[in-house]
Amino acid sequence: MKFFKDLGSIFVRNVKGSLRNPVWLFVGFFQPILYLLLFAPLLKNLSVVPGFPQGGAYTVFTPGLLVMLALFGSAYAGFTLVDHIRQGFLERLLVTPASRLAILLGYLLRDVVTLLIQSLIVVLIALPLGLKVSPTGLLVTFGFMILTAVLTATCSYSLAMVLKREDSMASVINIVTTPLLLLSGITLPLTLAPTIIKSIASVNPFAYEVTATRSLFLGNFSDSAIPIALVFLGVLVVLSFWWATRSFRKAAA
C-alpha cells in the first residue's frame, strides 16, 4: 500500500506541475498538428504512386505522427527532472523512505497519460480529414505508444541525472532522435526510399513501429513488422528501465 501511495503522490504532484505550465503540453503536440494539417495533404498525390502503402494519405501519415509524438514528446521529459534537481526537490525526495521505483514510475505515469491524451487529440483531428482506423488496431497502437514513451522518457531521465543541464540534454537528444526520425519513414514511407536507406533503416526499431502501426490502423494484425517492433521495443524498454532505476539509486547513495 505504501508503494502505491508514494506513486500516487508523486504522480499527482507532477500532473499539477504540468497543469501550472500548460504551454509545454501544447508545444508537445503542436508540431504533429502542423504536419497533419500542412504536410499530409501533400501526400494525396503520392498515394497513387507504386510502393505507397494502402489506406490513403491520412491513414498512412497519422500513425507516423503518433510515433513522432511519442518519440519527441517523451524524449524531453528529463527537462522536468533537471528543474527538480536544480530546485533541490529531487534530492529531498530521494532521502525520504519513498520507494525509488515509485518515484520513477510517478514521473513515467505522468508522461504516459500526457502522451495518450495528446495522441487521442491528433486522431480526433485526423478523422474528419479522411483518417480510417480500426478501433482494435488503434488500441494496440496506443500500447506501442506507451512502450515508446517509457523507452524515451527513461532514457531522458537517465541523461538528466548525468548531465543536469537542459542545453547539454537538448544537444544529445537532437543528435540521437533526428536520424531515428528520418530513418523511420514517419514523413514518407520507406517503401519509396532508395535501397541503401532501407538497409540502414532495417536496424531502426522505430521504422518497424511505424510500419506496424500503419498495418494496425488498417486492421492488418498479421504484418510481420508488429512482432518485430514489439520485440525491439520490449528489449529496449527493459534496458532503459534498468538504466533509469540504476541512476536513481546511485543518486540516492
Foldseek 3Di string as FASTA:
>chain_A
DLQVVLLVVLLVVVLVVCVVPVVLLCVLCVVLVCCLVPVLVVCQVVCPPPLADPDGSLLLQLLLSLLVSLQPSLLQLQVVVLVCVVVCNLVVVLQDPHDLVSNVSSSLVNQLVSSVVSSVVSVVVSVVVRHQFDPVLVVVSSVLSSLSSLLNNLLNNLVCLVVSDSVVSVVVSCVPVVVLSVLQCNSHQCSPPDPVSVVVSVPRLNNLSSVSSSCSRVVNNPDPSVVVSVVVSVVSSVVSNVSSSVSSVVSSD
